[in-house]
Amino acid sequence: MSLGTRLFTWLHGESVGTDAYGNRYYRAKGGAKRTDGRERRWVMYQGEAEGSKVPPEWHAWLHHTVKEPPKAGGSAQRSWQKEHVPNLTGTAQAYRPPGHVAMGGKRAAATGDYEPWRPS
């Protein structure tokens, strides 16, 4: 995070909580409003700034879907929910389908269900 963000947060921010990933959430001191009339809210990420690390309950608060910030401890994880996986786009671990240039660049042969369009 930049020095400017830290300085702005120190001068104008009021801490409202942290999440399980160590991200810290802030709102403007004294209820200061943005130009659209809503309070300013922001997050300071722990480590690399990545939006996918914001849990759903905090995302809802940041985007003014809910009025109050989530309670400490967050919500219980349901049995069908998966653990967080970071967005790997642009990294060496990103998904590359068979035939991708980085995976050799050779596609599997057509299986016979493909029929090219031919103009009549």
C-alpha atoms as a PDB file:
ATOM      1  CA  MET A   1       0.000   0.000   0.000  1.00  0.00           C
ATOM      2  CA  SER A   2       1.230   3.453  -0.813  1.00  0.00           C
ATOM      3  CA  LEU A   3       2.463   6.073   1.614  1.00  0.00           C
ATOM      4  CA  GLY A   4      -0.360   8.357   0.473  1.00  0.00           C
ATOM      5  CA  THR A   5      -3.000   5.774   1.428  1.00  0.00           C
ATOM      6  CA  ARG A   6      -1.428   5.260   4.834  1.00  0.00           C
ATOM      7  CA  LEU A   7      -1.249   9.001   5.457  1.00  0.00           C
ATOM      8  CA  PHE A   8      -4.858   9.554   4.307  1.00  0.00           C
ATOM      9  CA  THR A   9      -6.025   6.707   6.554  1.00  0.00           C
ATOM     10  CA  TRP A  10      -4.087   8.027   9.535  1.00  0.00           C
ATOM     11  CA  LEU A  11      -5.510  11.535   9.085  1.00  0.00           C
ATOM     12  CA  HIS A  12      -9.076  10.787   7.975  1.00  0.00           C
ATOM     13  CA  GLY A  13      -9.822   7.147   8.822  1.00  0.00           C
ATOM     14  CA  GLU A  14     -11.652   5.470  11.670  1.00  0.00           C
ATOM     15  CA  SER A  15     -11.061   1.725  12.005  1.00  0.00           C
ATOM     16  CA  VAL A  16     -14.190  -0.433  11.988  1.00  0.00           C
ATOM     17  CA  GLY A  17     -12.703  -3.932  11.984  1.00  0.00           C
ATOM     18  CA  THR A  18     -10.559  -6.626  10.433  1.00  0.00           C
ATOM     19  CA  ASP A  19     -11.331  -9.870   8.637  1.00  0.00           C
ATOM     20  CA  ALA A  20      -9.865 -13.374   8.768  1.00  0.00           C
ATOM     21  CA  TYR A  21      -7.246 -12.471   6.131  1.00  0.00           C
ATOM     22  CA  GLY A  22      -5.908  -9.547   8.190  1.00  0.00           C
ATOM     23  CA  ASN A  23      -7.426  -6.839   5.954  1.00  0.00           C
ATOM     24  CA  ARG A  24      -8.403  -3.696   7.892  1.00  0.00           C
ATOM     25  CA  TYR A  25     -11.553  -1.713   7.115  1.00  0.00           C
ATOM     26  CA  TYR A  26     -12.057   2.015   7.630  1.00  0.00           C
ATOM     27  CA  ARG A  27     -14.675   4.736   7.340  1.00  0.00           C
ATOM     28  CA  ALA A  28     -14.250   8.511   7.287  1.00  0.00           C
ATOM     29  CA  LYS A  29     -13.935  10.140  10.713  1.00  0.00           C
ATOM     30  CA  GLY A  30     -16.903  12.161  11.882  1.00  0.00           C
ATOM     31  CA  GLY A  31     -19.268  10.715   9.290  1.00  0.00           C
ATOM     32  CA  ALA A  32     -17.760  12.722   6.421  1.00  0.00           C
ATOM     33  CA  LYS A  33     -19.627  12.054   3.190  1.00  0.00           C
ATOM     34  CA  ARG A  34     -18.570  11.537  -0.415  1.00  0.00           C
ATOM     35  CA  THR A  35     -19.948  13.737  -3.188  1.00  0.00           C
ATOM     36  CA  ASP A  36     -22.866  11.292  -3.645  1.00  0.00           C
ATOM     37  CA  GLY A  37     -23.876  11.686   0.007  1.00  0.00           C
ATOM     38  CA  ARG A  38     -22.681   8.289   1.268  1.00  0.00           C
ATOM     39  CA  GLU A  39     -19.916   7.788   3.816  1.00  0.00           C
ATOM     40  CA  ARG A  40     -16.457   6.963   2.489  1.00  0.00           C
ATOM     41  CA  ARG A  41     -15.385   3.354   3.226  1.00  0.00           C
ATOM     42  CA  TRP A  42     -12.177   1.578   2.267  1.00  0.00           C
ATOM     43  CA  VAL A  43      -9.959  -1.411   2.950  1.00  0.00           C
ATOM     44  CA  MET A  44      -6.234  -1.682   3.600  1.00  0.00           C
ATOM     45  CA  TYR A  45      -5.118  -5.116   2.439  1.00  0.00           C
ATOM     46  CA  GLN A  46      -2.798  -7.382   4.352  1.00  0.00           C
ATOM     47  CA  GLY A  47      -0.077  -8.218   1.843  1.00  0.00           C
ATOM     48  CA  GLU A  48      -0.848  -7.895  -1.852  1.00  0.00           C
ATOM     49  CA  ALA A  49      -3.902  -5.821  -2.700  1.00  0.00           C
ATOM     50  CA  GLU A  50      -6.374  -8.257  -4.226  1.00  0.00           C
ATOM     51  CA  GLY A  51     -10.107  -7.651  -4.274  1.00  0.00           C
ATOM     52  CA  SER A  52     -10.939 -11.355  -4.168  1.00  0.00           C
ATOM     53  CA  LYS A  53      -9.566 -11.485  -0.594  1.00  0.00           C
ATOM     54  CA  VAL A  54     -12.490  -9.386   0.693  1.00  0.00           C
ATOM     55  CA  PRO A  55     -15.071 -11.710   2.337  1.00  0.00           C
ATOM     56  CA  PRO A  56     -18.714 -11.337   1.192  1.00  0.00           C
ATOM     57  CA  GLU A  57     -19.913  -9.697   4.408  1.00  0.00           C
ATOM     58  CA  TRP A  58     -17.215  -7.012   4.191  1.00  0.00           C
ATOM     59  CA  HIS A  59     -17.806  -6.563   0.457  1.00  0.00           C
ATOM     60  CA  ALA A  60     -21.468  -5.828   1.221  1.00  0.00           C
ATOM     61  CA  TRP A  61     -20.456  -3.218   3.801  1.00  0.00           C
ATOM     62  CA  LEU A  62     -17.869  -1.571   1.519  1.00  0.00           C
ATOM     63  CA  HIS A  63     -20.450  -1.217  -1.258  1.00  0.00           C
ATOM     64  CA  HIS A  64     -23.179   0.154   1.037  1.00  0.00           C
ATOM     65  CA  THR A  65     -25.382  -2.936   0.667  1.00  0.00           C
ATOM     66  CA  VAL A  66     -25.594  -3.127   4.466  1.00  0.00           C
ATOM     67  CA  LYS A  67     -25.420  -0.218   6.887  1.00  0.00           C
ATOM     68  CA  GLU A  68     -23.430  -1.732   9.755  1.00  0.00           C
ATOM     69  CA  PRO A  69     -20.052  -3.495   9.471  1.00  0.00           C
ATOM     70  CA  PRO A  70     -19.998  -7.245  10.184  1.00  0.00           C
ATOM     71  CA  LYS A  71     -19.562  -8.460  13.741  1.00  0.00           C
ATOM     72  CA  ALA A  72     -16.132  -9.613  14.898  1.00  0.00           C
ATOM     73  CA  GLY A  73     -15.393 -13.191  13.874  1.00  0.00           C
ATOM     74  CA  GLY A  74     -17.374 -12.991  10.624  1.00  0.00           C
ATOM     75  CA  SER A  75     -20.040 -15.423   9.594  1.00  0.00           C
ATOM     76  CA  ALA A  76     -19.755 -19.179   9.955  1.00  0.00           C
ATOM     77  CA  GLN A  77     -18.606 -20.968   6.839  1.00  0.00           C
ATOM     78  CA  ARG A  78     -21.240 -23.257   5.369  1.00  0.00           C
ATOM     79  CA  SER A  79     -20.505 -26.843   4.366  1.00  0.00           C
ATOM     80  CA  TRP A  80     -20.864 -26.071   0.650  1.00  0.00           C
ATOM     81  CA  GLN A  81     -18.482 -23.097   0.695  1.00  0.00           C
ATOM     82  CA  LYS A  82     -14.916 -23.528  -0.508  1.00  0.00           C
ATOM     83  CA  GLU A  83     -11.780 -21.944   0.918  1.00  0.00           C
ATOM     84  CA  HIS A  84     -10.510 -18.763  -0.722  1.00  0.00           C
ATOM     85  CA  VAL A  85      -8.356 -19.236  -3.812  1.00  0.00           C
ATOM     86  CA  PRO A  86      -6.545 -16.124  -5.023  1.00  0.00           C
ATOM     87  CA  ASN A  87      -7.073 -14.838  -8.547  1.00  0.00           C
ATOM     88  CA  LEU A  88      -4.211 -16.467 -10.460  1.00  0.00           C
ATOM     89  CA  THR A  89      -4.766 -14.652 -13.758  1.00  0.00           C
ATOM     90  CA  GLY A  90      -1.454 -13.425 -15.134  1.00  0.00           C
ATOM     91  CA  THR A  91       0.639 -15.752 -12.985  1.00  0.00           C
ATOM     92  CA  ALA A  92       2.461 -18.978 -13.794  1.00  0.00           C
ATOM     93  CA  GLN A  93      -0.236 -20.903 -11.882  1.00  0.00           C
ATOM     94  CA  ALA A  94      -3.093 -19.553 -14.047  1.00  0.00           C
ATOM     95  CA  TYR A  95      -5.302 -22.082 -15.835  1.00  0.00           C
ATOM     96  CA  ARG A  96      -4.234 -22.724 -19.402  1.00  0.00           C
ATOM     97  CA  PRO A  97      -6.343 -25.134 -21.452  1.00  0.00           C
ATOM     98  CA  PRO A  98      -4.793 -27.800 -23.675  1.00  0.00           C
ATOM     99  CA  GLY A  99      -3.606 -26.138 -26.861  1.00  0.00           C
ATOM    100  CA  HIS A 100      -2.594 -22.890 -25.161  1.00  0.00           C
ATOM    101  CA  VAL A 101       0.680 -21.482 -26.481  1.00  0.00           C
ATOM    102  CA  ALA A 102       2.290 -21.857 -23.035  1.00  0.00           C
ATOM    103  CA  MET A 103       1.174 -25.502 -22.911  1.00  0.00           C
ATOM    104  CA  GLY A 104       2.809 -26.553 -26.184  1.00  0.00           C
ATOM    105  CA  GLY A 105       0.390 -24.943 -28.611  1.00  0.00           C
ATOM    106  CA  LYS A 106      -1.090 -28.168 -30.028  1.00  0.00           C
ATOM    107  CA  ARG A 107      -4.836 -28.715 -29.921  1.00  0.00           C
ATOM    108  CA  ALA A 108      -6.452 -32.106 -29.853  1.00  0.00           C
ATOM    109  CA  ALA A 109      -7.819 -33.244 -33.205  1.00  0.00           C
ATOM    110  CA  ALA A 110     -11.490 -32.551 -33.914  1.00  0.00           C
ATOM    111  CA  THR A 111     -13.704 -35.372 -32.711  1.00  0.00           C
ATOM    112  CA  GLY A 112     -16.045 -35.551 -35.694  1.00  0.00           C
ATOM    113  CA  ASP A 113     -18.865 -33.517 -34.162  1.00  0.00           C
ATOM    114  CA  TYR A 114     -17.480 -30.366 -35.750  1.00  0.00           C
ATOM    115  CA  GLU A 115     -18.865 -29.322 -39.092  1.00  0.00           C
ATOM    116  CA  PRO A 116     -17.462 -26.130 -40.590  1.00  0.00           C
ATOM    117  CA  TRP A 117     -19.866 -23.641 -42.088  1.00  0.00           C
ATOM    118  CA  ARG A 118     -19.801 -23.531 -45.862  1.00  0.00           C
ATOM    119  CA  PRO A 119     -21.637 -20.829 -47.742  1.00  0.00           C
ATOM    120  CA  SER A 120     -24.265 -22.169 -50.159  1.00  0.00           C
END
